[in-house]
PDB file of all heavy atoms in Angstrom:
ATOM      1  N   SER A   1     248.990 -53.189  11.829  1.00  0.00           N
ATOM      2  CA  SER A   1     248.149 -51.994  11.692  1.00  0.00           C
ATOM      3  C   SER A   1     248.172 -51.497  10.247  1.00  0.00           C
ATOM      4  O   SER A   1     247.129 -51.082   9.708  1.00  0.00           O
ATOM      5  CB  SER A   1     248.615 -50.896  12.651  1.00  0.00           C
ATOM      6  OG  SER A   1     249.947 -50.496  12.352  1.00  0.00           O
ATOM      7  N   ALA A   2     249.339 -51.534   9.593  1.00  0.00           N
ATOM      8  CA  ALA A   2     249.422 -51.113   8.193  1.00  0.00           C
ATOM      9  C   ALA A   2     248.649 -52.068   7.299  1.00  0.00           C
ATOM     10  O   ALA A   2     247.976 -51.648   6.346  1.00  0.00           O
ATOM     11  CB  ALA A   2     250.882 -51.028   7.758  1.00  0.00           C
ATOM     12  N   THR A   3     248.725 -53.362   7.606  1.00  0.00           N
ATOM     13  CA  THR A   3     247.981 -54.341   6.818  1.00  0.00           C
ATOM     14  C   THR A   3     246.482 -54.157   7.009  1.00  0.00           C
ATOM     15  O   THR A   3     245.711 -54.232   6.046  1.00  0.00           O
ATOM     16  CB  THR A   3     248.391 -55.771   7.209  1.00  0.00           C
ATOM     17  OG1 THR A   3     249.802 -55.920   7.027  1.00  0.00           O
ATOM     18  CG2 THR A   3     247.681 -56.796   6.343  1.00  0.00           C
ATOM     19  N   PHE A   4     246.046 -53.945   8.240  1.00  0.00           N
ATOM     20  CA  PHE A   4     244.628 -53.697   8.500  1.00  0.00           C
ATOM     21  C   PHE A   4     244.152 -52.461   7.732  1.00  0.00           C
ATOM     22  O   PHE A   4     243.051 -52.451   7.161  1.00  0.00           O
ATOM     23  CB  PHE A   4     244.382 -53.488   9.996  1.00  0.00           C
ATOM     24  CG  PHE A   4     244.606 -54.713  10.836  1.00  0.00           C
ATOM     25  CD1 PHE A   4     244.717 -54.605  12.213  1.00  0.00           C
ATOM     26  CD2 PHE A   4     244.718 -55.977  10.273  1.00  0.00           C
ATOM     27  CE1 PHE A   4     244.926 -55.718  13.003  1.00  0.00           C
ATOM     28  CE2 PHE A   4     244.937 -57.104  11.051  1.00  0.00           C
ATOM     29  CZ  PHE A   4     245.033 -56.966  12.416  1.00  0.00           C
ATOM     30  N   ASP A   5     244.981 -51.414   7.707  1.00  0.00           N
ATOM     31  CA  ASP A   5     244.620 -50.200   6.974  1.00  0.00           C
ATOM     32  C   ASP A   5     244.492 -50.499   5.478  1.00  0.00           C
ATOM     33  O   ASP A   5     243.590 -49.963   4.799  1.00  0.00           O
ATOM     34  CB  ASP A   5     245.667 -49.111   7.191  1.00  0.00           C
ATOM     35  CG  ASP A   5     245.630 -48.527   8.596  1.00  0.00           C
ATOM     36  OD1 ASP A   5     244.627 -48.735   9.302  1.00  0.00           O
ATOM     37  OD2 ASP A   5     246.616 -47.870   8.974  1.00  0.00           O
ATOM     38  N   SER A   6     245.383 -51.339   4.950  1.00  0.00           N
ATOM     39  CA  SER A   6     245.331 -51.690   3.520  1.00  0.00           C
ATOM     40  C   SER A   6     244.055 -52.456   3.195  1.00  0.00           C
ATOM     41  O   SER A   6     243.392 -52.184   2.185  1.00  0.00           O
ATOM     42  CB  SER A   6     246.557 -52.528   3.138  1.00  0.00           C
ATOM     43  OG  SER A   6     247.736 -51.771   3.228  1.00  0.00           O
ATOM     44  N   ILE A   7     243.711 -53.413   4.043  1.00  0.00           N
ATOM     45  CA  ILE A   7     242.473 -54.174   3.826  1.00  0.00           C
ATOM     46  C   ILE A   7     241.272 -53.239   3.855  1.00  0.00           C
ATOM     47  O   ILE A   7     240.388 -53.294   2.993  1.00  0.00           O
ATOM     48  CB  ILE A   7     242.326 -55.281   4.888  1.00  0.00           C
ATOM     49  CG1 ILE A   7     243.446 -56.319   4.761  1.00  0.00           C
ATOM     50  CG2 ILE A   7     240.959 -55.970   4.757  1.00  0.00           C
ATOM     51  CD1 ILE A   7     243.496 -57.308   5.913  1.00  0.00           C
ATOM     52  N   ALA A   8     241.244 -52.363   4.853  1.00  0.00           N
ATOM     53  CA  ALA A   8     240.112 -51.436   4.994  1.00  0.00           C
ATOM     54  C   ALA A   8     240.003 -50.525   3.768  1.00  0.00           C
ATOM     55  O   ALA A   8     238.899 -50.256   3.280  1.00  0.00           O
ATOM     56  CB  ALA A   8     240.279 -50.598   6.266  1.00  0.00           C
ATOM     57  N   TRP A   9     241.150 -50.067   3.248  1.00  0.00           N
ATOM     58  CA  TRP A   9     241.121 -49.180   2.084  1.00  0.00           C
ATOM     59  C   TRP A   9     240.534 -49.904   0.872  1.00  0.00           C
ATOM     60  O   TRP A   9     239.709 -49.353   0.147  1.00  0.00           O
ATOM     61  CB  TRP A   9     242.528 -48.675   1.774  1.00  0.00           C
ATOM     62  CG  TRP A   9     242.570 -47.552   0.784  1.00  0.00           C
ATOM     63  CD1 TRP A   9     242.486 -46.212   1.051  1.00  0.00           C
ATOM     64  CD2 TRP A   9     242.682 -47.666  -0.643  1.00  0.00           C
ATOM     65  NE1 TRP A   9     242.546 -45.483  -0.121  1.00  0.00           N
ATOM     66  CE2 TRP A   9     242.671 -46.351  -1.180  1.00  0.00           C
ATOM     67  CE3 TRP A   9     242.789 -48.741  -1.524  1.00  0.00           C
ATOM     68  CZ2 TRP A   9     242.772 -46.093  -2.541  1.00  0.00           C
ATOM     69  CZ3 TRP A   9     242.886 -48.488  -2.887  1.00  0.00           C
ATOM     70  CH2 TRP A   9     242.880 -47.170  -3.390  1.00  0.00           C
ATOM     71  N   VAL A  10     240.962 -51.150   0.663  1.00  0.00           N
ATOM     72  CA  VAL A  10     240.427 -51.932  -0.459  1.00  0.00           C
ATOM     73  C   VAL A  10     238.915 -52.089  -0.314  1.00  0.00           C
ATOM     74  O   VAL A  10     238.155 -51.920  -1.282  1.00  0.00           O
ATOM     75  CB  VAL A  10     241.109 -53.315  -0.533  1.00  0.00           C
ATOM     76  CG1 VAL A  10     240.421 -54.203  -1.572  1.00  0.00           C
ATOM     77  CG2 VAL A  10     242.588 -53.163  -0.875  1.00  0.00           C
ATOM     78  N   LYS A  11     238.465 -52.410   0.880  1.00  0.00           N
ATOM     79  CA  LYS A  11     237.039 -52.650   1.104  1.00  0.00           C
ATOM     80  C   LYS A  11     236.194 -51.383   0.925  1.00  0.00           C
ATOM     81  O   LYS A  11     234.996 -51.476   0.650  1.00  0.00           O
ATOM     82  CB  LYS A  11     236.816 -53.219   2.514  1.00  0.00           C
ATOM     83  CG  LYS A  11     237.484 -54.565   2.757  1.00  0.00           C
ATOM     84  CD  LYS A  11     236.898 -55.660   1.882  1.00  0.00           C
ATOM     85  CE  LYS A  11     237.530 -56.998   2.157  1.00  0.00           C
ATOM     86  NZ  LYS A  11     236.965 -58.080   1.310  1.00  0.00           N
ATOM     87  N   GLU A  12     236.818 -50.219   1.079  1.00  0.00           N
ATOM     88  CA  GLU A  12     236.085 -48.951   0.941  1.00  0.00           C
ATOM     89  C   GLU A  12     235.986 -48.472  -0.503  1.00  0.00           C
ATOM     90  O   GLU A  12     235.247 -47.523  -0.787  1.00  0.00           O
ATOM     91  CB  GLU A  12     236.785 -47.865   1.771  1.00  0.00           C
ATOM     92  CG  GLU A  12     236.692 -48.066   3.272  1.00  0.00           C
ATOM     93  CD  GLU A  12     237.655 -47.164   4.027  1.00  0.00           C
ATOM     94  OE1 GLU A  12     238.428 -46.429   3.351  1.00  0.00           O
ATOM     95  OE2 GLU A  12     237.662 -47.208   5.267  1.00  0.00           O
ATOM     96  N   GLN A  13     236.719 -49.105  -1.409  1.00  0.00           N
ATOM     97  CA  GLN A  13     236.790 -48.598  -2.778  1.00  0.00           C
ATOM     98  C   GLN A  13     235.524 -48.907  -3.573  1.00  0.00           C
ATOM     99  O   GLN A  13     234.846 -49.909  -3.331  1.00  0.00           O
ATOM    100  CB  GLN A  13     238.010 -49.169  -3.482  1.00  0.00           C
ATOM    101  CG  GLN A  13     239.318 -48.735  -2.880  1.00  0.00           C
ATOM    102  CD  GLN A  13     239.375 -47.234  -2.659  1.00  0.00           C
ATOM    103  OE1 GLN A  13     239.353 -46.453  -3.606  1.00  0.00           O
ATOM    104  NE2 GLN A  13     239.441 -46.821  -1.402  1.00  0.00           N
ATOM    105  N   PRO A  14     235.201 -48.043  -4.559  1.00  0.00           N
ATOM    106  CA  PRO A  14     234.013 -48.278  -5.379  1.00  0.00           C
ATOM    107  C   PRO A  14     234.172 -49.512  -6.246  1.00  0.00           C
ATOM    108  O   PRO A  14     235.281 -49.880  -6.630  1.00  0.00           O
ATOM    109  CB  PRO A  14     233.934 -47.007  -6.238  1.00  0.00           C
ATOM    110  CG  PRO A  14     235.342 -46.495  -6.294  1.00  0.00           C
ATOM    111  CD  PRO A  14     235.929 -46.828  -4.957  1.00  0.00           C
ATOM    112  N   VAL A  15     233.051 -50.146  -6.558  1.00  0.00           N
ATOM    113  CA  VAL A  15     233.057 -51.345  -7.396  1.00  0.00           C
ATOM    114  C   VAL A  15     232.832 -50.987  -8.861  1.00  0.00           C
ATOM    115  O   VAL A  15     233.531 -51.466  -9.749  1.00  0.00           O
ATOM    116  CB  VAL A  15     231.987 -52.342  -6.914  1.00  0.00           C
ATOM    117  CG1 VAL A  15     231.873 -53.527  -7.872  1.00  0.00           C
ATOM    118  CG2 VAL A  15     232.309 -52.827  -5.509  1.00  0.00           C
ATOM    119  N   GLY A  16     231.879 -50.118  -9.134  1.00  0.00           N
ATOM    120  CA  GLY A  16     231.550 -49.774 -10.508  1.00  0.00           C
ATOM    121  C   GLY A  16     232.340 -48.611 -11.070  1.00  0.00           C
ATOM    122  O   GLY A  16     232.268 -48.328 -12.262  1.00  0.00           O
ATOM    123  N   LEU A  17     233.091 -47.918 -10.231  1.00  0.00           N
ATOM    124  CA  LEU A  17     233.916 -46.787 -10.650  1.00  0.00           C
ATOM    125  C   LEU A  17     235.368 -47.082 -10.323  1.00  0.00           C
ATOM    126  O   LEU A  17     235.675 -48.030  -9.591  1.00  0.00           O
ATOM    127  CB  LEU A  17     233.482 -45.514  -9.917  1.00  0.00           C
ATOM    128  CG  LEU A  17     232.030 -45.097 -10.077  1.00  0.00           C
ATOM    129  CD1 LEU A  17     231.693 -43.977  -9.095  1.00  0.00           C
ATOM    130  CD2 LEU A  17     231.753 -44.661 -11.509  1.00  0.00           C
ATOM    131  N   GLU A  18     236.264 -46.271 -10.861  1.00  0.00           N
ATOM    132  CA  GLU A  18     237.679 -46.441 -10.556  1.00  0.00           C
ATOM    133  C   GLU A  18     238.060 -45.637  -9.315  1.00  0.00           C
ATOM    134  O   GLU A  18     237.439 -44.614  -9.009  1.00  0.00           O
ATOM    135  CB  GLU A  18     238.520 -45.998 -11.748  1.00  0.00           C
ATOM    136  CG  GLU A  18     238.386 -46.911 -12.954  1.00  0.00           C
ATOM    137  CD  GLU A  18     237.849 -46.198 -14.183  1.00  0.00           C
ATOM    138  OE1 GLU A  18     238.666 -45.618 -14.933  1.00  0.00           O
ATOM    139  OE2 GLU A  18     236.619 -46.215 -14.378  1.00  0.00           O
ATOM    140  N   SER A  19     239.072 -46.102  -8.607  1.00  0.00           N
ATOM    141  CA  SER A  19     239.568 -45.368  -7.444  1.00  0.00           C
ATOM    142  C   SER A  19     240.305 -44.119  -7.919  1.00  0.00           C
ATOM    143  O   SER A  19     241.183 -44.203  -8.777  1.00  0.00           O
ATOM    144  CB  SER A  19     240.524 -46.243  -6.625  1.00  0.00           C
ATOM    145  OG  SER A  19     239.877 -47.407  -6.173  1.00  0.00           O
ATOM    146  N   PRO A  20     239.972 -42.959  -7.381  1.00  0.00           N
ATOM    147  CA  PRO A  20     240.591 -41.726  -7.877  1.00  0.00           C
ATOM    148  C   PRO A  20     242.036 -41.564  -7.402  1.00  0.00           C
ATOM    149  O   PRO A  20     242.395 -41.975  -6.298  1.00  0.00           O
ATOM    150  CB  PRO A  20     239.707 -40.636  -7.287  1.00  0.00           C
ATOM    151  CG  PRO A  20     239.130 -41.239  -6.041  1.00  0.00           C
ATOM    152  CD  PRO A  20     238.963 -42.702  -6.335  1.00  0.00           C
ATOM    153  N   PHE A  21     242.856 -40.964  -8.259  1.00  0.00           N
ATOM    154  CA  PHE A  21     244.148 -40.439  -7.830  1.00  0.00           C
ATOM    155  C   PHE A  21     243.899 -39.030  -7.320  1.00  0.00           C
ATOM    156  O   PHE A  21     243.315 -38.198  -8.033  1.00  0.00           O
ATOM    157  CB  PHE A  21     245.138 -40.404  -8.996  1.00  0.00           C
ATOM    158  CG  PHE A  21     245.718 -41.742  -9.347  1.00  0.00           C
ATOM    159  CD1 PHE A  21     245.110 -42.542 -10.299  1.00  0.00           C
ATOM    160  CD2 PHE A  21     246.865 -42.207  -8.720  1.00  0.00           C
ATOM    161  CE1 PHE A  21     245.644 -43.782 -10.630  1.00  0.00           C
ATOM    162  CE2 PHE A  21     247.400 -43.441  -9.048  1.00  0.00           C
ATOM    163  CZ  PHE A  21     246.790 -44.234  -9.999  1.00  0.00           C
ATOM    164  N   THR A  22     244.337 -38.752  -6.104  1.00  0.00           N
ATOM    165  CA  THR A  22     244.048 -37.458  -5.501  1.00  0.00           C
ATOM    166  C   THR A  22     245.332 -36.746  -5.097  1.00  0.00           C
ATOM    167  O   THR A  22     246.384 -37.372  -4.911  1.00  0.00           O
ATOM    168  CB  THR A  22     243.154 -37.611  -4.257  1.00  0.00           C
ATOM    169  OG1 THR A  22     243.823 -38.410  -3.285  1.00  0.00           O
ATOM    170  CG2 THR A  22     241.821 -38.257  -4.623  1.00  0.00           C
ATOM    171  N   ALA A  23     245.210 -35.441  -4.973  1.00  0.00           N
ATOM    172  CA  ALA A  23     246.303 -34.610  -4.476  1.00  0.00           C
ATOM    173  C   ALA A  23     245.697 -33.397  -3.801  1.00  0.00           C
ATOM    174  O   ALA A  23     244.574 -32.981  -4.123  1.00  0.00           O
ATOM    175  CB  ALA A  23     247.216 -34.180  -5.612  1.00  0.00           C
ATOM    176  N   THR A  24     246.407 -32.833  -2.847  1.00  0.00           N
ATOM    177  CA  THR A  24     245.951 -31.579  -2.261  1.00  0.00           C
ATOM    178  C   THR A  24     246.360 -30.437  -3.179  1.00  0.00           C
ATOM    179  O   THR A  24     247.320 -30.544  -3.951  1.00  0.00           O
ATOM    180  CB  THR A  24     246.568 -31.361  -0.873  1.00  0.00           C
ATOM    181  OG1 THR A  24     247.997 -31.318  -0.991  1.00  0.00           O
ATOM    182  CG2 THR A  24     246.169 -32.490   0.072  1.00  0.00           C
ATOM    183  N   ALA A  25     245.634 -29.347  -3.098  1.00  0.00           N
ATOM    184  CA  ALA A  25     245.866 -28.213  -3.999  1.00  0.00           C
ATOM    185  C   ALA A  25     247.277 -27.660  -3.882  1.00  0.00           C
ATOM    186  O   ALA A  25     247.820 -27.115  -4.849  1.00  0.00           O
ATOM    187  CB  ALA A  25     244.835 -27.126  -3.724  1.00  0.00           C
ATOM    188  N   ASP A  26     247.907 -27.801  -2.713  1.00  0.00           N
ATOM    189  CA  ASP A  26     249.233 -27.216  -2.494  1.00  0.00           C
ATOM    190  C   ASP A  26     250.378 -28.125  -2.947  1.00  0.00           C
ATOM    191  O   ASP A  26     251.535 -27.695  -2.948  1.00  0.00           O
ATOM    192  CB  ASP A  26     249.429 -26.878  -1.012  1.00  0.00           C
ATOM    193  CG  ASP A  26     248.601 -25.669  -0.585  1.00  0.00           C
ATOM    194  OD1 ASP A  26     248.345 -24.807  -1.454  1.00  0.00           O
ATOM    195  OD2 ASP A  26     248.211 -25.604   0.593  1.00  0.00           O
ATOM    196  N   GLU A  27     250.071 -29.350  -3.323  1.00  0.00           N
ATOM    197  CA  GLU A  27     251.156 -30.216  -3.794  1.00  0.00           C
ATOM    198  C   GLU A  27     251.695 -29.714  -5.127  1.00  0.00           C
ATOM    199  O   GLU A  27     250.965 -29.141  -5.945  1.00  0.00           O
ATOM    200  CB  GLU A  27     250.656 -31.653  -3.967  1.00  0.00           C
ATOM    201  CG  GLU A  27     250.504 -32.426  -2.676  1.00  0.00           C
ATOM    202  CD  GLU A  27     250.254 -33.908  -2.923  1.00  0.00           C
ATOM    203  OE1 GLU A  27     251.226 -34.648  -3.175  1.00  0.00           O
ATOM    204  OE2 GLU A  27     249.080 -34.310  -2.880  1.00  0.00           O
ATOM    205  N   SER A  28     252.977 -29.965  -5.353  1.00  0.00           N
ATOM    206  CA  SER A  28     253.592 -29.542  -6.603  1.00  0.00           C
ATOM    207  C   SER A  28     253.376 -30.593  -7.682  1.00  0.00           C
ATOM    208  O   SER A  28     253.123 -31.769  -7.401  1.00  0.00           O
ATOM    209  CB  SER A  28     255.091 -29.308  -6.408  1.00  0.00           C
ATOM    210  OG  SER A  28     255.759 -30.547  -6.195  1.00  0.00           O
ATOM    211  N   VAL A  29     253.520 -30.164  -8.925  1.00  0.00           N
ATOM    212  CA  VAL A  29     253.430 -31.093 -10.051  1.00  0.00           C
ATOM    213  C   VAL A  29     254.472 -32.181  -9.914  1.00  0.00           C
ATOM    214  O   VAL A  29     254.202 -33.362 -10.173  1.00  0.00           O
ATOM    215  CB  VAL A  29     253.602 -30.318 -11.377  1.00  0.00           C
ATOM    216  CG1 VAL A  29     253.815 -31.266 -12.543  1.00  0.00           C
ATOM    217  CG2 VAL A  29     252.407 -29.422 -11.630  1.00  0.00           C
ATOM    218  N   GLN A  30     255.675 -31.803  -9.494  1.00  0.00           N
ATOM    219  CA  GLN A  30     256.750 -32.786  -9.335  1.00  0.00           C
ATOM    220  C   GLN A  30     256.370 -33.870  -8.334  1.00  0.00           C
ATOM    221  O   GLN A  30     256.643 -35.055  -8.555  1.00  0.00           O
ATOM    222  CB  GLN A  30     258.022 -32.076  -8.885  1.00  0.00           C
ATOM    223  CG  GLN A  30     259.249 -32.970  -8.800  1.00  0.00           C
ATOM    224  CD  GLN A  30     260.500 -32.179  -8.450  1.00  0.00           C
ATOM    225  OE1 GLN A  30     260.437 -31.139  -7.783  1.00  0.00           O
ATOM    226  NE2 GLN A  30     261.642 -32.649  -8.905  1.00  0.00           N
ATOM    227  N   GLN A  31     255.737 -33.500  -7.247  1.00  0.00           N
ATOM    228  CA  GLN A  31     255.314 -34.482  -6.243  1.00  0.00           C
ATOM    229  C   GLN A  31     254.261 -35.432  -6.811  1.00  0.00           C
ATOM    230  O   GLN A  31     254.321 -36.635  -6.590  1.00  0.00           O
ATOM    231  CB  GLN A  31     254.759 -33.759  -5.009  1.00  0.00           C
ATOM    232  CG  GLN A  31     255.798 -33.062  -4.162  1.00  0.00           C
ATOM    233  CD  GLN A  31     255.159 -32.247  -3.049  1.00  0.00           C
ATOM    234  OE1 GLN A  31     254.276 -31.416  -3.281  1.00  0.00           O
ATOM    235  NE2 GLN A  31     255.593 -32.491  -1.822  1.00  0.00           N
ATOM    236  N   VAL A  32     253.308 -34.902  -7.540  1.00  0.00           N
ATOM    237  CA  VAL A  32     252.234 -35.737  -8.080  1.00  0.00           C
ATOM    238  C   VAL A  32     252.752 -36.692  -9.148  1.00  0.00           C
ATOM    239  O   VAL A  32     252.318 -37.843  -9.235  1.00  0.00           O
ATOM    240  CB  VAL A  32     251.107 -34.849  -8.645  1.00  0.00           C
ATOM    241  CG1 VAL A  32     250.037 -35.695  -9.326  1.00  0.00           C
ATOM    242  CG2 VAL A  32     250.485 -34.016  -7.526  1.00  0.00           C
TER     243      VAL A  32
END
C-alpha cells in the first residue's frame, strides 16, 4: 500500500514545474 501510494504520488506530479515543498500554517519553523 505504501509503494502504491508512492507510485501514485510520482504520477500526479507536474512535468514542467517543480513539486512544491508544503507545510501547514501551524507547523513550526523547526519542523519544516
